[in-house]
Amino acid sequence: MFGKFARCVALSCVLGALLPCLALSGCATAQGDAGGKKVVVVWSEGTAPKDVYPNDINGAIAEGLADMPGWEVVTASIKDPDQGISDDLLKRTDVLIWWGHKKHGLVKNALVAKIENRVKNEGMGFISLHSSHFAKPNKALMGTECSWGAYEGDSSNLRVTVADPAHPIAKGVADFTTVHEERYSEPYAVPEPEAVVFTGVHEIKKGGEDPSRIGLCWHVGKGKFFYFQAGHETNPIFYDKNVRTIMRNAVEWAAPEK
């Protein structure tokens, strides 16, 4: 009898510990998976040239994030069911990385509203890359048209300078130069950033230079937002070790505190 009583007490203790979480219907996966890992979703629209990005841009970025301790890395595409981001996946996403170019208009407004809510009201991090300045989620979060002064495919290299060495996204990054053919010219029509982590100078093929901001940070509601201007799809920039360090740092910075 005593043995049965002891087992019952032990079972009651276990159930007592579990019931508060069960009552919240999935509290263990609200942000991160049940195993305690944080989740970063890398989204792109599948329009990058295959000879530069055989597994698309999201595949290249995910490859650079793959060995981050404590993170689950998920790739998503507009071609996937639910345009790559189901309600369940979005619910457990800690950081969403977005690269878009030609298919901004195809992204459903309902999905954009859910992303905006996750960032502003629930603290999900958002990282926008290059031509994603015109992406619907980017514009919704910034609240502006997010246009640059000019867009020219006449540059050869981009010299990136670490403008804020103390910022977490700059950790382990030194000034570097990368091949980059498309330049965006100031002004950038967005709210004043809280931090400009990187600046850059585009070297124009016919001579001359064009400086602009390259890495900008904001808090948007409860969430953190990072925009990285470099990332033209005809240049393999997301294989660059410096850019991969920036991406890793940005994911860690943008993640909500547990």
C-alpha atoms as a PDB file:
ATOM      1  CA  MET A   1       0.000   0.000   0.000  1.00  0.00           C
ATOM      2  CA  PHE A   2       2.813   2.393   0.954  1.00  0.00           C
ATOM      3  CA  GLY A   3       4.492   1.801  -2.429  1.00  0.00           C
ATOM      4  CA  LYS A   4       1.306   2.664  -4.305  1.00  0.00           C
ATOM      5  CA  PHE A   5       0.851   5.782  -2.162  1.00  0.00           C
ATOM      6  CA  ALA A   6       4.390   6.967  -2.883  1.00  0.00           C
ATOM      7  CA  ARG A   7       3.928   6.469  -6.607  1.00  0.00           C
ATOM      8  CA  CYS A   8       0.692   8.445  -6.545  1.00  0.00           C
ATOM      9  CA  VAL A   9       2.343  11.318  -4.701  1.00  0.00           C
ATOM     10  CA  ALA A  10       5.192  11.370  -7.198  1.00  0.00           C
ATOM     11  CA  LEU A  11       2.771  11.356 -10.158  1.00  0.00           C
ATOM     12  CA  SER A  12       0.762  14.171  -8.589  1.00  0.00           C
ATOM     13  CA  CYS A  13       3.928  16.282  -8.267  1.00  0.00           C
ATOM     14  CA  VAL A  14       4.815  15.774 -11.939  1.00  0.00           C
ATOM     15  CA  LEU A  15       1.305  16.621 -13.107  1.00  0.00           C
ATOM     16  CA  GLY A  16       1.254  19.646 -10.841  1.00  0.00           C
ATOM     17  CA  ALA A  17       4.390  20.968 -12.504  1.00  0.00           C
ATOM     18  CA  LEU A  18       3.042  20.353 -16.000  1.00  0.00           C
ATOM     19  CA  LEU A  19      -0.531  21.597 -15.667  1.00  0.00           C
ATOM     20  CA  PRO A  20       0.257  25.354 -15.648  1.00  0.00           C
ATOM     21  CA  CYS A  21       2.042  25.039 -18.973  1.00  0.00           C
ATOM     22  CA  LEU A  22      -0.581  22.714 -20.469  1.00  0.00           C
ATOM     23  CA  ALA A  23      -3.291  25.156 -19.493  1.00  0.00           C
ATOM     24  CA  LEU A  24      -1.575  27.856 -21.577  1.00  0.00           C
ATOM     25  CA  SER A  25      -1.942  25.710 -24.720  1.00  0.00           C
ATOM     26  CA  GLY A  26       1.533  25.612 -26.176  1.00  0.00           C
ATOM     27  CA  CYS A  27       3.440  28.028 -23.950  1.00  0.00           C
ATOM     28  CA  ALA A  28       6.618  25.994 -24.497  1.00  0.00           C
ATOM     29  CA  THR A  29       6.596  26.821 -28.218  1.00  0.00           C
ATOM     30  CA  ALA A  30       5.336  30.391 -28.195  1.00  0.00           C
ATOM     31  CA  GLN A  31       8.882  31.523 -28.995  1.00  0.00           C
ATOM     32  CA  GLY A  32      11.434  28.857 -29.844  1.00  0.00           C
ATOM     33  CA  ASP A  33      10.809  25.125 -30.011  1.00  0.00           C
ATOM     34  CA  ALA A  34       9.992  22.704 -27.237  1.00  0.00           C
ATOM     35  CA  GLY A  35      13.659  21.781 -26.903  1.00  0.00           C
ATOM     36  CA  GLY A  36      14.516  25.305 -25.820  1.00  0.00           C
ATOM     37  CA  LYS A  37      16.096  26.443 -29.098  1.00  0.00           C
ATOM     38  CA  LYS A  38      15.382  29.830 -30.580  1.00  0.00           C
ATOM     39  CA  VAL A  39      14.079  29.873 -34.146  1.00  0.00           C
ATOM     40  CA  VAL A  40      15.300  32.011 -37.044  1.00  0.00           C
ATOM     41  CA  VAL A  41      13.376  31.841 -40.314  1.00  0.00           C
ATOM     42  CA  VAL A  42      15.179  32.916 -43.494  1.00  0.00           C
ATOM     43  CA  TRP A  43      12.671  33.904 -46.192  1.00  0.00           C
ATOM     44  CA  SER A  44      13.303  34.712 -49.849  1.00  0.00           C
ATOM     45  CA  GLU A  45      11.237  34.733 -52.998  1.00  0.00           C
ATOM     46  CA  GLY A  46      13.314  32.442 -55.216  1.00  0.00           C
ATOM     47  CA  THR A  47      14.321  34.945 -57.885  1.00  0.00           C
ATOM     48  CA  ALA A  48      18.100  34.968 -57.396  1.00  0.00           C
ATOM     49  CA  PRO A  49      20.117  33.508 -60.312  1.00  0.00           C
ATOM     50  CA  LYS A  50      20.940  29.838 -59.826  1.00  0.00           C
ATOM     51  CA  ASP A  51      24.512  30.252 -61.019  1.00  0.00           C
ATOM     52  CA  VAL A  52      25.129  32.611 -58.080  1.00  0.00           C
ATOM     53  CA  TYR A  53      22.813  31.066 -55.489  1.00  0.00           C
ATOM     54  CA  PRO A  54      22.054  27.413 -56.354  1.00  0.00           C
ATOM     55  CA  ASN A  55      19.893  27.060 -53.231  1.00  0.00           C
ATOM     56  CA  ASP A  56      18.590  30.620 -53.373  1.00  0.00           C
ATOM     57  CA  ILE A  57      19.603  33.438 -51.071  1.00  0.00           C
ATOM     58  CA  ASN A  58      17.787  31.994 -48.085  1.00  0.00           C
ATOM     59  CA  GLY A  59      19.783  28.784 -48.494  1.00  0.00           C
ATOM     60  CA  ALA A  60      23.079  30.686 -48.531  1.00  0.00           C
ATOM     61  CA  ILE A  61      22.171  32.709 -45.455  1.00  0.00           C
ATOM     62  CA  ALA A  62      20.904  29.622 -43.615  1.00  0.00           C
ATOM     63  CA  GLU A  63      24.194  27.867 -44.369  1.00  0.00           C
ATOM     64  CA  GLY A  64      26.046  30.680 -42.630  1.00  0.00           C
ATOM     65  CA  LEU A  65      23.778  30.426 -39.581  1.00  0.00           C
ATOM     66  CA  ALA A  66      23.639  26.641 -39.382  1.00  0.00           C
ATOM     67  CA  ASP A  67      26.152  26.131 -36.577  1.00  0.00           C
ATOM     68  CA  MET A  68      24.864  28.859 -34.256  1.00  0.00           C
ATOM     69  CA  PRO A  69      24.500  27.264 -30.802  1.00  0.00           C
ATOM     70  CA  GLY A  70      20.952  27.178 -29.474  1.00  0.00           C
ATOM     71  CA  TRP A  71      19.292  28.062 -32.765  1.00  0.00           C
ATOM     72  CA  GLU A  72      17.023  26.207 -35.162  1.00  0.00           C
ATOM     73  CA  VAL A  73      17.396  27.599 -38.692  1.00  0.00           C
ATOM     74  CA  VAL A  74      14.394  27.334 -41.040  1.00  0.00           C
ATOM     75  CA  THR A  75      14.282  28.353 -44.720  1.00  0.00           C
ATOM     76  CA  ALA A  76      11.039  29.576 -46.237  1.00  0.00           C
ATOM     77  CA  SER A  77       9.911  30.745 -49.669  1.00  0.00           C
ATOM     78  CA  ILE A  78       6.921  32.429 -51.228  1.00  0.00           C
ATOM     79  CA  LYS A  79       6.462  29.215 -53.230  1.00  0.00           C
ATOM     80  CA  ASP A  80       5.847  27.167 -50.088  1.00  0.00           C
ATOM     81  CA  PRO A  81       2.397  26.573 -48.541  1.00  0.00           C
ATOM     82  CA  ASP A  82       1.189  29.643 -46.622  1.00  0.00           C
ATOM     83  CA  GLN A  83       3.832  31.588 -48.582  1.00  0.00           C
ATOM     84  CA  GLY A  84       6.409  29.873 -46.405  1.00  0.00           C
ATOM     85  CA  ILE A  85       5.182  31.106 -43.037  1.00  0.00           C
ATOM     86  CA  SER A  86       2.340  29.234 -41.397  1.00  0.00           C
ATOM     87  CA  ASP A  87       0.697  30.585 -38.270  1.00  0.00           C
ATOM     88  CA  ASP A  88       2.426  27.908 -36.212  1.00  0.00           C
ATOM     89  CA  LEU A  89       5.857  28.728 -37.611  1.00  0.00           C
ATOM     90  CA  LEU A  90       5.365  32.463 -37.184  1.00  0.00           C
ATOM     91  CA  LYS A  91       4.241  31.932 -33.592  1.00  0.00           C
ATOM     92  CA  ARG A  92       7.499  30.244 -32.666  1.00  0.00           C
ATOM     93  CA  THR A  93       9.807  32.440 -34.764  1.00  0.00           C
ATOM     94  CA  ASP A  94      12.201  34.590 -32.759  1.00  0.00           C
ATOM     95  CA  VAL A  95      13.838  36.321 -35.735  1.00  0.00           C
ATOM     96  CA  LEU A  96      12.590  36.620 -39.322  1.00  0.00           C
ATOM     97  CA  ILE A  97      15.097  37.434 -42.092  1.00  0.00           C
ATOM     98  CA  TRP A  98      13.512  38.718 -45.317  1.00  0.00           C
ATOM     99  CA  TRP A  99      14.959  39.012 -48.824  1.00  0.00           C
ATOM    100  CA  GLY A 100      12.647  40.069 -51.641  1.00  0.00           C
ATOM    101  CA  HIS A 101      12.951  41.822 -54.971  1.00  0.00           C
ATOM    102  CA  LYS A 102      10.442  41.140 -57.765  1.00  0.00           C
ATOM    103  CA  LYS A 103       7.475  39.658 -55.908  1.00  0.00           C
ATOM    104  CA  HIS A 104       6.710  42.182 -53.189  1.00  0.00           C
ATOM    105  CA  GLY A 105       3.164  42.622 -54.479  1.00  0.00           C
ATOM    106  CA  LEU A 106       2.397  38.905 -54.264  1.00  0.00           C
ATOM    107  CA  VAL A 107       2.933  38.727 -50.515  1.00  0.00           C
ATOM    108  CA  LYS A 108      -0.491  38.547 -48.892  1.00  0.00           C
ATOM    109  CA  ASN A 109      -1.571  41.475 -46.770  1.00  0.00           C
ATOM    110  CA  ALA A 110      -2.889  39.117 -44.107  1.00  0.00           C
ATOM    111  CA  LEU A 111       0.582  37.628 -43.687  1.00  0.00           C
ATOM    112  CA  VAL A 112       2.106  41.103 -43.506  1.00  0.00           C
ATOM    113  CA  ALA A 113      -0.316  42.083 -40.739  1.00  0.00           C
ATOM    114  CA  LYS A 114       0.617  38.981 -38.751  1.00  0.00           C
ATOM    115  CA  ILE A 115       4.332  39.720 -39.126  1.00  0.00           C
ATOM    116  CA  GLU A 116       3.799  43.332 -38.087  1.00  0.00           C
ATOM    117  CA  ASN A 117       1.910  42.189 -34.999  1.00  0.00           C
ATOM    118  CA  ARG A 118       4.603  39.664 -34.059  1.00  0.00           C
ATOM    119  CA  VAL A 119       7.261  42.385 -34.189  1.00  0.00           C
ATOM    120  CA  LYS A 120       5.421  45.328 -32.671  1.00  0.00           C
ATOM    121  CA  ASN A 121       3.368  43.568 -30.023  1.00  0.00           C
ATOM    122  CA  GLU A 122       5.207  40.323 -29.327  1.00  0.00           C
ATOM    123  CA  GLY A 123       8.860  41.254 -29.797  1.00  0.00           C
ATOM    124  CA  MET A 124       9.911  39.132 -32.777  1.00  0.00           C
ATOM    125  CA  GLY A 125      13.081  40.425 -34.444  1.00  0.00           C
ATOM    126  CA  PHE A 126      13.038  41.413 -38.128  1.00  0.00           C
ATOM    127  CA  ILE A 127      16.022  41.657 -40.499  1.00  0.00           C
ATOM    128  CA  SER A 128      15.466  43.191 -43.928  1.00  0.00           C
ATOM    129  CA  LEU A 129      18.021  42.774 -46.719  1.00  0.00           C
ATOM    130  CA  HIS A 130      18.871  44.928 -49.746  1.00  0.00           C
ATOM    131  CA  SER A 131      15.849  45.245 -52.079  1.00  0.00           C
ATOM    132  CA  SER A 132      13.565  44.202 -49.232  1.00  0.00           C
ATOM    133  CA  HIS A 133      13.378  47.895 -48.365  1.00  0.00           C
ATOM    134  CA  PHE A 134      10.326  47.824 -50.653  1.00  0.00           C
ATOM    135  CA  ALA A 135       8.929  44.610 -49.149  1.00  0.00           C
ATOM    136  CA  LYS A 136       5.496  44.926 -47.572  1.00  0.00           C
ATOM    137  CA  PRO A 137       6.631  43.888 -44.065  1.00  0.00           C
ATOM    138  CA  ASN A 138       9.529  46.372 -44.207  1.00  0.00           C
ATOM    139  CA  LYS A 139       7.233  49.233 -45.206  1.00  0.00           C
ATOM    140  CA  ALA A 140       4.606  48.284 -42.632  1.00  0.00           C
ATOM    141  CA  LEU A 141       7.175  48.313 -39.841  1.00  0.00           C
ATOM    142  CA  MET A 142       8.850  51.540 -40.944  1.00  0.00           C
ATOM    143  CA  GLY A 143       5.590  53.335 -41.723  1.00  0.00           C
ATOM    144  CA  THR A 144       7.101  55.072 -44.771  1.00  0.00           C
ATOM    145  CA  GLU A 145       7.640  54.413 -48.474  1.00  0.00           C
ATOM    146  CA  CYS A 146      11.216  53.261 -47.718  1.00  0.00           C
ATOM    147  CA  SER A 147      12.538  54.600 -51.024  1.00  0.00           C
ATOM    148  CA  TRP A 148      16.171  55.440 -51.785  1.00  0.00           C
ATOM    149  CA  GLY A 149      17.236  58.527 -53.700  1.00  0.00           C
ATOM    150  CA  ALA A 150      18.529  56.526 -56.683  1.00  0.00           C
ATOM    151  CA  TYR A 151      19.159  52.983 -57.854  1.00  0.00           C
ATOM    152  CA  GLU A 152      22.076  52.441 -60.215  1.00  0.00           C
ATOM    153  CA  GLY A 153      23.776  49.277 -61.459  1.00  0.00           C
ATOM    154  CA  ASP A 154      27.054  51.046 -62.147  1.00  0.00           C
ATOM    155  CA  SER A 155      29.258  50.265 -59.169  1.00  0.00           C
ATOM    156  CA  SER A 156      32.047  47.737 -58.862  1.00  0.00           C
ATOM    157  CA  ASN A 157      32.918  47.442 -55.177  1.00  0.00           C
ATOM    158  CA  LEU A 158      31.353  48.428 -51.892  1.00  0.00           C
ATOM    159  CA  ARG A 159      33.730  49.502 -49.134  1.00  0.00           C
ATOM    160  CA  VAL A 160      32.035  48.836 -45.807  1.00  0.00           C
ATOM    161  CA  THR A 161      33.126  50.728 -42.705  1.00  0.00           C
ATOM    162  CA  VAL A 162      32.245  49.790 -39.142  1.00  0.00           C
ATOM    163  CA  ALA A 163      30.675  53.046 -37.977  1.00  0.00           C
ATOM    164  CA  ASP A 164      29.669  51.857 -34.497  1.00  0.00           C
ATOM    165  CA  PRO A 165      32.285  49.347 -33.271  1.00  0.00           C
ATOM    166  CA  ALA A 166      30.606  49.039 -29.862  1.00  0.00           C
ATOM    167  CA  HIS A 167      27.322  47.801 -31.320  1.00  0.00           C
ATOM    168  CA  PRO A 168      26.674  44.039 -30.915  1.00  0.00           C
ATOM    169  CA  ILE A 169      26.103  43.608 -34.661  1.00  0.00           C
ATOM    170  CA  ALA A 170      29.640  44.875 -35.287  1.00  0.00           C
ATOM    171  CA  LYS A 171      31.283  42.289 -33.017  1.00  0.00           C
ATOM    172  CA  GLY A 172      34.233  40.655 -34.780  1.00  0.00           C
ATOM    173  CA  VAL A 173      33.726  42.708 -37.957  1.00  0.00           C
ATOM    174  CA  ALA A 174      36.465  44.909 -39.408  1.00  0.00           C
ATOM    175  CA  ASP A 175      36.206  47.238 -42.398  1.00  0.00           C
ATOM    176  CA  PHE A 176      35.980  45.219 -45.614  1.00  0.00           C
ATOM    177  CA  THR A 177      35.402  45.496 -49.359  1.00  0.00           C
ATOM    178  CA  THR A 178      33.071  43.290 -51.369  1.00  0.00           C
ATOM    179  CA  VAL A 179      32.010  43.125 -55.017  1.00  0.00           C
ATOM    180  CA  HIS A 180      28.641  44.857 -55.331  1.00  0.00           C
ATOM    181  CA  GLU A 181      27.245  46.168 -58.610  1.00  0.00           C
ATOM    182  CA  GLU A 182      24.032  47.901 -57.545  1.00  0.00           C
ATOM    183  CA  ARG A 183      24.200  51.036 -55.436  1.00  0.00           C
ATOM    184  CA  TYR A 184      21.422  52.727 -53.532  1.00  0.00           C
ATOM    185  CA  SER A 185      21.919  56.456 -53.031  1.00  0.00           C
ATOM    186  CA  GLU A 186      20.854  58.594 -50.100  1.00  0.00           C
ATOM    187  CA  PRO A 187      18.497  59.805 -48.876  1.00  0.00           C
ATOM    188  CA  TYR A 188      16.729  56.738 -47.514  1.00  0.00           C
ATOM    189  CA  ALA A 189      13.140  57.635 -46.626  1.00  0.00           C
ATOM    190  CA  VAL A 190      12.789  55.970 -43.226  1.00  0.00           C
ATOM    191  CA  PRO A 191      12.586  57.138 -39.608  1.00  0.00           C
ATOM    192  CA  GLU A 192      15.888  58.230 -38.095  1.00  0.00           C
ATOM    193  CA  PRO A 193      17.678  55.041 -37.027  1.00  0.00           C
ATOM    194  CA  GLU A 194      18.712  54.486 -33.426  1.00  0.00           C
ATOM    195  CA  ALA A 195      22.077  53.240 -34.635  1.00  0.00           C
ATOM    196  CA  VAL A 196      24.023  53.222 -37.895  1.00  0.00           C
ATOM    197  CA  VAL A 197      26.293  50.242 -37.443  1.00  0.00           C
ATOM    198  CA  PHE A 198      27.837  50.272 -40.930  1.00  0.00           C
ATOM    199  CA  THR A 199      28.388  52.900 -43.578  1.00  0.00           C
ATOM    200  CA  GLY A 200      29.767  52.323 -47.033  1.00  0.00           C
ATOM    201  CA  VAL A 201      31.139  53.804 -50.215  1.00  0.00           C
ATOM    202  CA  HIS A 202      30.196  52.469 -53.627  1.00  0.00           C
ATOM    203  CA  GLU A 203      33.032  52.699 -56.143  1.00  0.00           C
ATOM    204  CA  ILE A 204      31.502  53.735 -59.474  1.00  0.00           C
ATOM    205  CA  LYS A 205      32.897  51.967 -62.553  1.00  0.00           C
ATOM    206  CA  LYS A 206      33.309  55.152 -64.592  1.00  0.00           C
ATOM    207  CA  GLY A 207      34.896  56.976 -61.693  1.00  0.00           C
ATOM    208  CA  GLY A 208      33.702  58.583 -58.525  1.00  0.00           C
ATOM    209  CA  GLU A 209      32.237  57.344 -55.284  1.00  0.00           C
ATOM    210  CA  ASP A 210      28.830  57.327 -53.611  1.00  0.00           C
ATOM    211  CA  PRO A 211      28.593  57.076 -49.795  1.00  0.00           C
ATOM    212  CA  SER A 212      25.515  55.755 -48.007  1.00  0.00           C
ATOM    213  CA  ARG A 213      24.361  54.064 -44.826  1.00  0.00           C
ATOM    214  CA  ILE A 214      24.610  50.275 -44.978  1.00  0.00           C
ATOM    215  CA  GLY A 215      23.424  48.872 -41.631  1.00  0.00           C
ATOM    216  CA  LEU A 216      20.642  50.583 -39.674  1.00  0.00           C
ATOM    217  CA  CYS A 217      18.841  49.642 -36.444  1.00  0.00           C
ATOM    218  CA  TRP A 218      15.520  50.521 -34.845  1.00  0.00           C
ATOM    219  CA  HIS A 219      13.210  49.344 -32.100  1.00  0.00           C
ATOM    220  CA  VAL A 220       9.705  48.964 -33.545  1.00  0.00           C
ATOM    221  CA  GLY A 221       7.263  48.488 -30.716  1.00  0.00           C
ATOM    222  CA  LYS A 222       8.594  45.565 -28.685  1.00  0.00           C
ATOM    223  CA  GLY A 223      10.751  44.221 -31.530  1.00  0.00           C
ATOM    224  CA  LYS A 224      14.183  44.985 -32.940  1.00  0.00           C
ATOM    225  CA  PHE A 225      14.682  45.760 -36.638  1.00  0.00           C
ATOM    226  CA  PHE A 226      17.916  45.693 -38.671  1.00  0.00           C
ATOM    227  CA  TYR A 227      18.212  46.723 -42.319  1.00  0.00           C
ATOM    228  CA  PHE A 228      21.333  45.747 -44.275  1.00  0.00           C
ATOM    229  CA  GLN A 229      21.598  47.548 -47.590  1.00  0.00           C
ATOM    230  CA  ALA A 230      24.090  45.250 -49.297  1.00  0.00           C
ATOM    231  CA  GLY A 231      22.887  42.022 -50.882  1.00  0.00           C
ATOM    232  CA  HIS A 232      22.362  42.384 -54.641  1.00  0.00           C
ATOM    233  CA  GLU A 233      21.353  39.011 -56.056  1.00  0.00           C
ATOM    234  CA  THR A 234      23.930  38.868 -58.860  1.00  0.00           C
ATOM    235  CA  ASN A 235      26.799  39.104 -56.361  1.00  0.00           C
ATOM    236  CA  PRO A 236      27.595  36.225 -53.966  1.00  0.00           C
ATOM    237  CA  ILE A 237      27.701  38.538 -50.972  1.00  0.00           C
ATOM    238  CA  PHE A 238      25.951  36.144 -48.607  1.00  0.00           C
ATOM    239  CA  TYR A 239      28.908  33.755 -48.883  1.00  0.00           C
ATOM    240  CA  ASP A 240      31.272  36.513 -47.740  1.00  0.00           C
ATOM    241  CA  LYS A 241      32.679  35.709 -44.286  1.00  0.00           C
ATOM    242  CA  ASN A 242      32.250  39.297 -43.136  1.00  0.00           C
ATOM    243  CA  VAL A 243      28.588  39.407 -44.163  1.00  0.00           C
ATOM    244  CA  ARG A 244      27.994  36.030 -42.555  1.00  0.00           C
ATOM    245  CA  THR A 245      29.397  37.373 -39.289  1.00  0.00           C
ATOM    246  CA  ILE A 246      27.074  40.372 -39.590  1.00  0.00           C
ATOM    247  CA  MET A 247      24.086  38.083 -40.191  1.00  0.00           C
ATOM    248  CA  ARG A 248      24.923  35.954 -37.159  1.00  0.00           C
ATOM    249  CA  ASN A 249      25.403  38.990 -34.960  1.00  0.00           C
ATOM    250  CA  ALA A 250      22.176  40.557 -36.229  1.00  0.00           C
ATOM    251  CA  VAL A 251      20.187  37.423 -35.428  1.00  0.00           C
ATOM    252  CA  GLU A 252      21.532  37.336 -31.883  1.00  0.00           C
ATOM    253  CA  TRP A 253      20.887  41.071 -31.420  1.00  0.00           C
ATOM    254  CA  ALA A 254      17.352  40.994 -32.826  1.00  0.00           C
ATOM    255  CA  ALA A 255      16.210  37.991 -30.794  1.00  0.00           C
ATOM    256  CA  PRO A 256      13.772  38.806 -27.989  1.00  0.00           C
ATOM    257  CA  GLU A 257      14.944  38.154 -24.469  1.00  0.00           C
ATOM    258  CA  LYS A 258      13.599  34.934 -23.006  1.00  0.00           C
END
